[in-house]
């Protein structure tokens, strides 16, 4: 039963984050505090499923990639993140 409740809570969290990211992307207002909270929420969820050292290496590469990329569109990344969260809900 505990696993079911955990998964249900996880799905509710993912659904909420997807909605928040979608609203920011549509409004074009990117709030750093909300992005930070979403980041830590997702990282906490991943820590329970992925080796922490691998997760840290992945984060470092993502940061490097973002710094190297020209013409970064925050709205595009919010839409992509929302889409990925919606896929996670389906799976």
PDB file of N, CA and C in Angstrom:
ATOM      1  N   UNK A   1       0.820  -1.193   0.000  1.00  0.00           N
ATOM      2  CA  UNK A   1       0.000   0.000   0.000  1.00  0.00           C
ATOM      3  C   UNK A   1       0.867   1.263   0.000  1.00  0.00           C
ATOM      4  N   UNK A   2       1.993   1.201   0.748  1.00  0.00           N
ATOM      5  CA  UNK A   2       2.871   2.365   0.828  1.00  0.00           C
ATOM      6  C   UNK A   2       3.427   2.727  -0.546  1.00  0.00           C
ATOM      7  N   UNK A   3       3.787   1.719  -1.344  1.00  0.00           N
ATOM      8  CA  UNK A   3       4.295   1.966  -2.691  1.00  0.00           C
ATOM      9  C   UNK A   3       3.264   2.645  -3.566  1.00  0.00           C
ATOM     10  N   UNK A   4       2.018   2.233  -3.431  1.00  0.00           N
ATOM     11  CA  UNK A   4       0.934   2.837  -4.204  1.00  0.00           C
ATOM     12  C   UNK A   4       0.762   4.306  -3.840  1.00  0.00           C
ATOM     13  N   UNK A   5       0.783   4.599  -2.532  1.00  0.00           N
ATOM     14  CA  UNK A   5       0.624   5.984  -2.086  1.00  0.00           C
ATOM     15  C   UNK A   5       1.804   6.846  -2.523  1.00  0.00           C
ATOM     16  N   UNK A   6       2.999   6.273  -2.464  1.00  0.00           N
ATOM     17  CA  UNK A   6       4.184   7.008  -2.908  1.00  0.00           C
ATOM     18  C   UNK A   6       4.086   7.321  -4.386  1.00  0.00           C
ATOM     19  N   UNK A   7       3.707   6.346  -5.189  1.00  0.00           N
ATOM     20  CA  UNK A   7       3.586   6.560  -6.631  1.00  0.00           C
ATOM     21  C   UNK A   7       2.474   7.569  -6.931  1.00  0.00           C
ATOM     22  N   UNK A   8       1.385   7.498  -6.185  1.00  0.00           N
ATOM     23  CA  UNK A   8       0.285   8.447  -6.390  1.00  0.00           C
ATOM     24  C   UNK A   8       0.740   9.876  -6.079  1.00  0.00           C
ATOM     25  N   UNK A   9       1.450  10.047  -4.977  1.00  0.00           N
ATOM     26  CA  UNK A   9       1.970  11.357  -4.593  1.00  0.00           C
ATOM     27  C   UNK A   9       2.969  11.854  -5.644  1.00  0.00           C
ATOM     28  N   UNK A  10       3.781  10.949  -6.148  1.00  0.00           N
ATOM     29  CA  UNK A  10       4.751  11.293  -7.183  1.00  0.00           C
ATOM     30  C   UNK A  10       4.044  11.776  -8.453  1.00  0.00           C
ATOM     31  N   UNK A  11       2.992  11.082  -8.851  1.00  0.00           N
ATOM     32  CA  UNK A  11       2.238  11.486 -10.042  1.00  0.00           C
ATOM     33  C   UNK A  11       1.578  12.846  -9.845  1.00  0.00           C
ATOM     34  N   UNK A  12       1.051  13.096  -8.661  1.00  0.00           N
ATOM     35  CA  UNK A  12       0.442  14.395  -8.370  1.00  0.00           C
ATOM     36  C   UNK A  12       1.482  15.510  -8.451  1.00  0.00           C
ATOM     37  N   UNK A  13       2.664  15.245  -7.936  1.00  0.00           N
ATOM     38  CA  UNK A  13       3.748  16.230  -7.984  1.00  0.00           C
ATOM     39  C   UNK A  13       4.162  16.509  -9.417  1.00  0.00           C
ATOM     40  N   UNK A  14       4.317  15.461 -10.209  1.00  0.00           N
ATOM     41  CA  UNK A  14       4.706  15.614 -11.613  1.00  0.00           C
ATOM     42  C   UNK A  14       3.649  16.402 -12.370  1.00  0.00           C
ATOM     43  N   UNK A  15       2.397  16.077 -12.140  1.00  0.00           N
ATOM     44  CA  UNK A  15       1.302  16.777 -12.807  1.00  0.00           C
ATOM     45  C   UNK A  15       1.308  18.263 -12.447  1.00  0.00           C
ATOM     46  N   UNK A  16       1.508  18.568 -11.176  1.00  0.00           N
ATOM     47  CA  UNK A  16       1.557  19.954 -10.726  1.00  0.00           C
ATOM     48  C   UNK A  16       2.721  20.699 -11.371  1.00  0.00           C
ATOM     49  N   UNK A  17       3.901  20.080 -11.389  1.00  0.00           N
ATOM     50  CA  UNK A  17       5.065  20.726 -11.996  1.00  0.00           C
ATOM     51  C   UNK A  17       4.846  20.978 -13.484  1.00  0.00           C
ATOM     52  N   UNK A  18       4.249  20.019 -14.173  1.00  0.00           N
ATOM     53  CA  UNK A  18       3.980  20.190 -15.607  1.00  0.00           C
ATOM     54  C   UNK A  18       3.066  21.387 -15.835  1.00  0.00           C
ATOM     55  N   UNK A  19       2.056  21.532 -14.997  1.00  0.00           N
ATOM     56  CA  UNK A  19       1.120  22.657 -15.122  1.00  0.00           C
ATOM     57  C   UNK A  19       1.818  23.995 -14.870  1.00  0.00           C
ATOM     58  N   UNK A  20       2.651  24.049 -13.852  1.00  0.00           N
ATOM     59  CA  UNK A  20       3.377  25.279 -13.525  1.00  0.00           C
ATOM     60  C   UNK A  20       4.331  25.660 -14.657  1.00  0.00           C
ATOM     61  N   UNK A  21       5.078  24.688 -15.183  1.00  0.00           N
ATOM     62  CA  UNK A  21       6.013  24.967 -16.276  1.00  0.00           C
ATOM     63  C   UNK A  21       5.271  25.431 -17.519  1.00  0.00           C
ATOM     64  N   UNK A  22       4.131  24.817 -17.780  1.00  0.00           N
ATOM     65  CA  UNK A  22       3.327  25.207 -18.937  1.00  0.00           C
ATOM     66  C   UNK A  22       2.872  26.664 -18.814  1.00  0.00           C
ATOM     67  N   UNK A  23       2.402  27.044 -17.643  1.00  0.00           N
ATOM     68  CA  UNK A  23       1.941  28.428 -17.437  1.00  0.00           C
ATOM     69  C   UNK A  23       3.075  29.425 -17.627  1.00  0.00           C
ATOM     70  N   UNK A  24       4.255  29.102 -17.112  1.00  0.00           N
ATOM     71  CA  UNK A  24       5.387  30.014 -17.283  1.00  0.00           C
ATOM     72  C   UNK A  24       5.769  30.130 -18.751  1.00  0.00           C
ATOM     73  N   UNK A  25       5.754  29.016 -19.463  1.00  0.00           N
ATOM     74  CA  UNK A  25       6.109  29.038 -20.886  1.00  0.00           C
ATOM     75  C   UNK A  25       5.103  29.861 -21.683  1.00  0.00           C
ATOM     76  N   UNK A  26       3.820  29.683 -21.391  1.00  0.00           N
ATOM     77  CA  UNK A  26       2.781  30.424 -22.120  1.00  0.00           C
ATOM     78  C   UNK A  26       2.806  31.916 -21.799  1.00  0.00           C
ATOM     79  N   UNK A  27       3.071  32.248 -20.544  1.00  0.00           N
ATOM     80  CA  UNK A  27       3.081  33.651 -20.128  1.00  0.00           C
ATOM     81  C   UNK A  27       4.389  34.356 -20.449  1.00  0.00           C
ATOM     82  N   UNK A  28       5.434  33.578 -20.676  1.00  0.00           N
ATOM     83  CA  UNK A  28       6.743  34.168 -20.944  1.00  0.00           C
ATOM     84  C   UNK A  28       7.384  34.802 -19.720  1.00  0.00           C
ATOM     85  N   UNK A  29       6.855  34.481 -18.545  1.00  0.00           N
ATOM     86  CA  UNK A  29       7.408  35.003 -17.295  1.00  0.00           C
ATOM     87  C   UNK A  29       8.105  33.848 -16.586  1.00  0.00           C
ATOM     88  N   UNK A  30       9.432  33.892 -16.599  1.00  0.00           N
ATOM     89  CA  UNK A  30      10.222  32.824 -15.996  1.00  0.00           C
ATOM     90  C   UNK A  30      10.618  33.264 -14.587  1.00  0.00           C
ATOM     91  N   UNK A  31      10.098  32.560 -13.597  1.00  0.00           N
ATOM     92  CA  UNK A  31      10.406  32.896 -12.199  1.00  0.00           C
ATOM     93  C   UNK A  31      11.493  31.970 -11.691  1.00  0.00           C
ATOM     94  N   UNK A  32      12.606  32.576 -11.334  1.00  0.00           N
ATOM     95  CA  UNK A  32      13.759  31.807 -10.887  1.00  0.00           C
ATOM     96  C   UNK A  32      13.447  30.968  -9.650  1.00  0.00           C
ATOM     97  N   UNK A  33      12.655  31.494  -8.722  1.00  0.00           N
ATOM     98  CA  UNK A  33      12.328  30.750  -7.512  1.00  0.00           C
ATOM     99  C   UNK A  33      11.513  29.497  -7.824  1.00  0.00           C
ATOM    100  N   UNK A  34      10.641  29.592  -8.806  1.00  0.00           N
ATOM    101  CA  UNK A  34       9.830  28.427  -9.182  1.00  0.00           C
ATOM    102  C   UNK A  34      10.687  27.396  -9.907  1.00  0.00           C
ATOM    103  N   UNK A  35      11.574  27.862 -10.783  1.00  0.00           N
ATOM    104  CA  UNK A  35      12.483  26.944 -11.474  1.00  0.00           C
ATOM    105  C   UNK A  35      13.356  26.224 -10.452  1.00  0.00           C
ATOM    106  N   UNK A  36      13.849  26.956  -9.478  1.00  0.00           N
ATOM    107  CA  UNK A  36      14.694  26.369  -8.433  1.00  0.00           C
ATOM    108  C   UNK A  36      13.922  25.310  -7.641  1.00  0.00           C
ATOM    109  N   UNK A  37      12.695  25.620  -7.277  1.00  0.00           N
ATOM    110  CA  UNK A  37      11.870  24.665  -6.525  1.00  0.00           C
ATOM    111  C   UNK A  37      11.563  23.422  -7.360  1.00  0.00           C
ATOM    112  N   UNK A  38      11.246  23.620  -8.635  1.00  0.00           N
ATOM    113  CA  UNK A  38      10.985  22.479  -9.520  1.00  0.00           C
ATOM    114  C   UNK A  38      12.231  21.620  -9.656  1.00  0.00           C
ATOM    115  N   UNK A  39      13.370  22.267  -9.795  1.00  0.00           N
ATOM    116  CA  UNK A  39      14.647  21.550  -9.904  1.00  0.00           C
ATOM    117  C   UNK A  39      14.871  20.665  -8.682  1.00  0.00           C
ATOM    118  N   UNK A  40      14.751  21.228  -7.494  1.00  0.00           N
ATOM    119  CA  UNK A  40      15.008  20.459  -6.279  1.00  0.00           C
ATOM    120  C   UNK A  40      13.966  19.367  -6.065  1.00  0.00           C
ATOM    121  N   UNK A  41      12.740  19.621  -6.445  1.00  0.00           N
ATOM    122  CA  UNK A  41      11.698  18.598  -6.325  1.00  0.00           C
ATOM    123  C   UNK A  41      12.013  17.406  -7.218  1.00  0.00           C
ATOM    124  N   UNK A  42      12.366  17.684  -8.478  1.00  0.00           N
ATOM    125  CA  UNK A  42      12.693  16.596  -9.400  1.00  0.00           C
ATOM    126  C   UNK A  42      13.966  15.872  -8.976  1.00  0.00           C
ATOM    127  N   UNK A  43      14.950  16.611  -8.501  1.00  0.00           N
ATOM    128  CA  UNK A  43      16.198  15.980  -8.062  1.00  0.00           C
ATOM    129  C   UNK A  43      15.927  15.041  -6.883  1.00  0.00           C
ATOM    130  N   UNK A  44      15.094  15.471  -5.962  1.00  0.00           N
ATOM    131  CA  UNK A  44      14.751  14.619  -4.813  1.00  0.00           C
ATOM    132  C   UNK A  44      14.064  13.335  -5.289  1.00  0.00           C
ATOM    133  N   UNK A  45      13.182  13.471  -6.277  1.00  0.00           N
ATOM    134  CA  UNK A  45      12.500  12.295  -6.811  1.00  0.00           C
ATOM    135  C   UNK A  45      13.505  11.354  -7.478  1.00  0.00           C
ATOM    136  N   UNK A  46      14.473  11.905  -8.188  1.00  0.00           N
ATOM    137  CA  UNK A  46      15.470  11.087  -8.876  1.00  0.00           C
ATOM    138  C   UNK A  46      16.438  10.416  -7.917  1.00  0.00           C
ATOM    139  N   UNK A  47      16.755  11.065  -6.827  1.00  0.00           N
ATOM    140  CA  UNK A  47      17.699  10.489  -5.861  1.00  0.00           C
ATOM    141  C   UNK A  47      17.237   9.128  -5.367  1.00  0.00           C
ATOM    142  N   UNK A  48      15.957   8.931  -5.318  1.00  0.00           N
ATOM    143  CA  UNK A  48      15.421   7.651  -4.861  1.00  0.00           C
ATOM    144  C   UNK A  48      15.535   6.568  -5.923  1.00  0.00           C
ATOM    145  N   UNK A  49      15.879   6.955  -7.163  1.00  0.00           N
ATOM    146  CA  UNK A  49      15.864   5.999  -8.266  1.00  0.00           C
ATOM    147  C   UNK A  49      17.187   5.870  -9.003  1.00  0.00           C
ATOM    148  N   UNK A  50      18.074   6.863  -8.862  1.00  0.00           N
ATOM    149  CA  UNK A  50      19.296   6.911  -9.653  1.00  0.00           C
ATOM    150  C   UNK A  50      20.491   7.100  -8.725  1.00  0.00           C
ATOM    151  N   UNK A  51      21.620   6.493  -9.091  1.00  0.00           N
ATOM    152  CA  UNK A  51      22.860   6.687  -8.354  1.00  0.00           C
ATOM    153  C   UNK A  51      23.191   8.181  -8.303  1.00  0.00           C
ATOM    154  N   UNK A  52      23.453   8.691  -7.123  1.00  0.00           N
ATOM    155  CA  UNK A  52      23.659  10.129  -6.949  1.00  0.00           C
ATOM    156  C   UNK A  52      24.875  10.651  -7.721  1.00  0.00           C
ATOM    157  N   UNK A  53      25.931   9.857  -7.828  1.00  0.00           N
ATOM    158  CA  UNK A  53      27.113  10.291  -8.584  1.00  0.00           C
ATOM    159  C   UNK A  53      26.806  10.421 -10.071  1.00  0.00           C
ATOM    160  N   UNK A  54      26.017   9.507 -10.601  1.00  0.00           N
ATOM    161  CA  UNK A  54      25.618   9.581 -12.012  1.00  0.00           C
ATOM    162  C   UNK A  54      24.731  10.805 -12.221  1.00  0.00           C
ATOM    163  N   UNK A  55      23.827  11.040 -11.300  1.00  0.00           N
ATOM    164  CA  UNK A  55      22.952  12.212 -11.385  1.00  0.00           C
ATOM    165  C   UNK A  55      23.774  13.502 -11.378  1.00  0.00           C
ATOM    166  N   UNK A  56      24.793  13.576 -10.521  1.00  0.00           N
ATOM    167  CA  UNK A  56      25.636  14.770 -10.449  1.00  0.00           C
ATOM    168  C   UNK A  56      26.412  14.966 -11.751  1.00  0.00           C
ATOM    169  N   UNK A  57      26.947  13.899 -12.310  1.00  0.00           N
ATOM    170  CA  UNK A  57      27.671  14.002 -13.582  1.00  0.00           C
ATOM    171  C   UNK A  57      26.737  14.491 -14.687  1.00  0.00           C
ATOM    172  N   UNK A  58      25.526  13.976 -14.706  1.00  0.00           N
ATOM    173  CA  UNK A  58      24.538  14.402 -15.695  1.00  0.00           C
ATOM    174  C   UNK A  58      24.243  15.897 -15.546  1.00  0.00           C
ATOM    175  N   UNK A  59      24.032  16.345 -14.322  1.00  0.00           N
ATOM    176  CA  UNK A  59      23.760  17.766 -14.079  1.00  0.00           C
ATOM    177  C   UNK A  59      24.917  18.641 -14.548  1.00  0.00           C
ATOM    178  N   UNK A  60      26.137  18.218 -14.277  1.00  0.00           N
ATOM    179  CA  UNK A  60      27.300  18.997 -14.702  1.00  0.00           C
ATOM    180  C   UNK A  60      27.358  19.123 -16.217  1.00  0.00           C
ATOM    181  N   UNK A  61      27.059  18.042 -16.915  1.00  0.00           N
ATOM    182  CA  UNK A  61      27.065  18.084 -18.378  1.00  0.00           C
ATOM    183  C   UNK A  61      25.934  18.955 -18.915  1.00  0.00           C
ATOM    184  N   UNK A  62      24.790  18.907 -18.288  1.00  0.00           N
ATOM    185  CA  UNK A  62      23.667  19.760 -18.703  1.00  0.00           C
ATOM    186  C   UNK A  62      24.039  21.232 -18.531  1.00  0.00           C
ATOM    187  N   UNK A  63      24.670  21.564 -17.422  1.00  0.00           N
ATOM    188  CA  UNK A  63      25.082  22.951 -17.190  1.00  0.00           C
ATOM    189  C   UNK A  63      26.095  23.397 -18.238  1.00  0.00           C
ATOM    190  N   UNK A  64      27.045  22.548 -18.543  1.00  0.00           N
ATOM    191  CA  UNK A  64      28.045  22.875 -19.553  1.00  0.00           C
ATOM    192  C   UNK A  64      27.387  23.065 -20.913  1.00  0.00           C
ATOM    193  N   UNK A  65      26.487  22.178 -21.262  1.00  0.00           N
ATOM    194  CA  UNK A  65      25.775  22.273 -22.540  1.00  0.00           C
ATOM    195  C   UNK A  65      24.998  23.588 -22.627  1.00  0.00           C
ATOM    196  N   UNK A  66      24.328  23.965 -21.556  1.00  0.00           N
ATOM    197  CA  UNK A  66      23.552  25.207 -21.546  1.00  0.00           C
ATOM    198  C   UNK A  66      24.453  26.426 -21.714  1.00  0.00           C
ATOM    199  N   UNK A  67      25.624  26.402 -21.101  1.00  0.00           N
ATOM    200  CA  UNK A  67      26.549  27.528 -21.234  1.00  0.00           C
ATOM    201  C   UNK A  67      27.096  27.634 -22.649  1.00  0.00           C
ATOM    202  N   UNK A  68      27.233  26.508 -23.329  1.00  0.00           N
ATOM    203  CA  UNK A  68      27.793  26.493 -24.677  1.00  0.00           C
ATOM    204  C   UNK A  68      26.763  26.871 -25.736  1.00  0.00           C
ATOM    205  N   UNK A  69      25.499  26.663 -25.431  1.00  0.00           N
ATOM    206  CA  UNK A  69      24.440  26.872 -26.416  1.00  0.00           C
ATOM    207  C   UNK A  69      24.127  28.352 -26.605  1.00  0.00           C
ATOM    208  N   UNK A  70      24.049  28.752 -27.849  1.00  0.00           N
ATOM    209  CA  UNK A  70      23.714  30.145 -28.189  1.00  0.00           C
ATOM    210  C   UNK A  70      22.204  30.244 -28.399  1.00  0.00           C
ATOM    211  N   UNK A  71      21.642  31.414 -28.166  1.00  0.00           N
ATOM    212  CA  UNK A  71      20.220  31.637 -28.426  1.00  0.00           C
ATOM    213  C   UNK A  71      19.315  30.774 -27.568  1.00  0.00           C
ATOM    214  N   UNK A  72      19.688  30.597 -26.328  1.00  0.00           N
ATOM    215  CA  UNK A  72      18.913  29.782 -25.400  1.00  0.00           C
ATOM    216  C   UNK A  72      17.499  30.350 -25.252  1.00  0.00           C
ATOM    217  N   UNK A  73      16.490  29.521 -25.467  1.00  0.00           N
ATOM    218  CA  UNK A  73      15.096  29.943 -25.339  1.00  0.00           C
ATOM    219  C   UNK A  73      14.485  29.286 -24.102  1.00  0.00           C
ATOM    220  N   UNK A  74      14.341  30.028 -23.005  1.00  0.00           N
ATOM    221  CA  UNK A  74      13.779  29.437 -21.791  1.00  0.00           C
ATOM    222  C   UNK A  74      12.396  28.829 -22.006  1.00  0.00           C
ATOM    223  N   UNK A  75      11.565  29.501 -22.799  1.00  0.00           N
ATOM    224  CA  UNK A  75      10.214  28.984 -23.035  1.00  0.00           C
ATOM    225  C   UNK A  75      10.258  27.612 -23.706  1.00  0.00           C
ATOM    226  N   UNK A  76      11.184  27.443 -24.653  1.00  0.00           N
ATOM    227  CA  UNK A  76      11.302  26.150 -25.334  1.00  0.00           C
ATOM    228  C   UNK A  76      11.674  25.052 -24.338  1.00  0.00           C
ATOM    229  N   UNK A  77      12.598  25.360 -23.438  1.00  0.00           N
ATOM    230  CA  UNK A  77      13.012  24.366 -22.459  1.00  0.00           C
ATOM    231  C   UNK A  77      11.900  24.068 -21.454  1.00  0.00           C
ATOM    232  N   UNK A  78      11.109  25.064 -21.111  1.00  0.00           N
ATOM    233  CA  UNK A  78       9.963  24.821 -20.232  1.00  0.00           C
ATOM    234  C   UNK A  78       8.952  23.900 -20.913  1.00  0.00           C
ATOM    235  N   UNK A  79       8.694  24.146 -22.194  1.00  0.00           N
ATOM    236  CA  UNK A  79       7.769  23.288 -22.945  1.00  0.00           C
ATOM    237  C   UNK A  79       8.310  21.858 -23.026  1.00  0.00           C
ATOM    238  N   UNK A  80       9.614  21.719 -23.288  1.00  0.00           N
ATOM    239  CA  UNK A  80      10.223  20.390 -23.362  1.00  0.00           C
ATOM    240  C   UNK A  80      10.143  19.676 -22.016  1.00  0.00           C
ATOM    241  N   UNK A  81      10.404  20.420 -20.937  1.00  0.00           N
ATOM    242  CA  UNK A  81      10.329  19.828 -19.601  1.00  0.00           C
ATOM    243  C   UNK A  81       8.906  19.386 -19.290  1.00  0.00           C
ATOM    244  N   UNK A  82       7.944  20.216 -19.630  1.00  0.00           N
ATOM    245  CA  UNK A  82       6.533  19.872 -19.411  1.00  0.00           C
ATOM    246  C   UNK A  82       6.175  18.614 -20.189  1.00  0.00           C
ATOM    247  N   UNK A  83       6.602  18.547 -21.438  1.00  0.00           N
ATOM    248  CA  UNK A  83       6.321  17.382 -22.273  1.00  0.00           C
ATOM    249  C   UNK A  83       6.925  16.115 -21.668  1.00  0.00           C
ATOM    250  N   UNK A  84       8.136  16.219 -21.173  1.00  0.00           N
ATOM    251  CA  UNK A  84       8.785  15.061 -20.545  1.00  0.00           C
ATOM    252  C   UNK A  84       8.045  14.630 -19.292  1.00  0.00           C
ATOM    253  N   UNK A  85       7.572  15.595 -18.501  1.00  0.00           N
ATOM    254  CA  UNK A  85       6.814  15.249 -17.296  1.00  0.00           C
ATOM    255  C   UNK A  85       5.497  14.571 -17.651  1.00  0.00           C
ATOM    256  N   UNK A  86       4.849  15.032 -18.704  1.00  0.00           N
ATOM    257  CA  UNK A  86       3.593  14.409 -19.130  1.00  0.00           C
ATOM    258  C   UNK A  86       3.837  12.967 -19.585  1.00  0.00           C
ATOM    259  N   UNK A  87       4.949  12.727 -20.276  1.00  0.00           N
ATOM    260  CA  UNK A  87       5.300  11.362 -20.687  1.00  0.00           C
ATOM    261  C   UNK A  87       5.551  10.487 -19.464  1.00  0.00           C
ATOM    262  N   UNK A  88       6.176  11.059 -18.438  1.00  0.00           N
ATOM    263  CA  UNK A  88       6.428  10.303 -17.208  1.00  0.00           C
ATOM    264  C   UNK A  88       5.118   9.906 -16.539  1.00  0.00           C
ATOM    265  N   UNK A  89       4.124  10.760 -16.623  1.00  0.00           N
ATOM    266  CA  UNK A  89       2.817  10.434 -16.047  1.00  0.00           C
ATOM    267  C   UNK A  89       2.156   9.277 -16.777  1.00  0.00           C
ATOM    268  N   UNK A  90       2.372   9.211 -18.089  1.00  0.00           N
ATOM    269  CA  UNK A  90       1.771   8.143 -18.889  1.00  0.00           C
ATOM    270  C   UNK A  90       2.424   6.796 -18.615  1.00  0.00           C
ATOM    271  N   UNK A  91       3.712   6.824 -18.276  1.00  0.00           N
ATOM    272  CA  UNK A  91       4.483   5.588 -18.106  1.00  0.00           C
ATOM    273  C   UNK A  91       4.367   5.026 -16.778  1.00  0.00           C
TER     274      UNK A  91
END
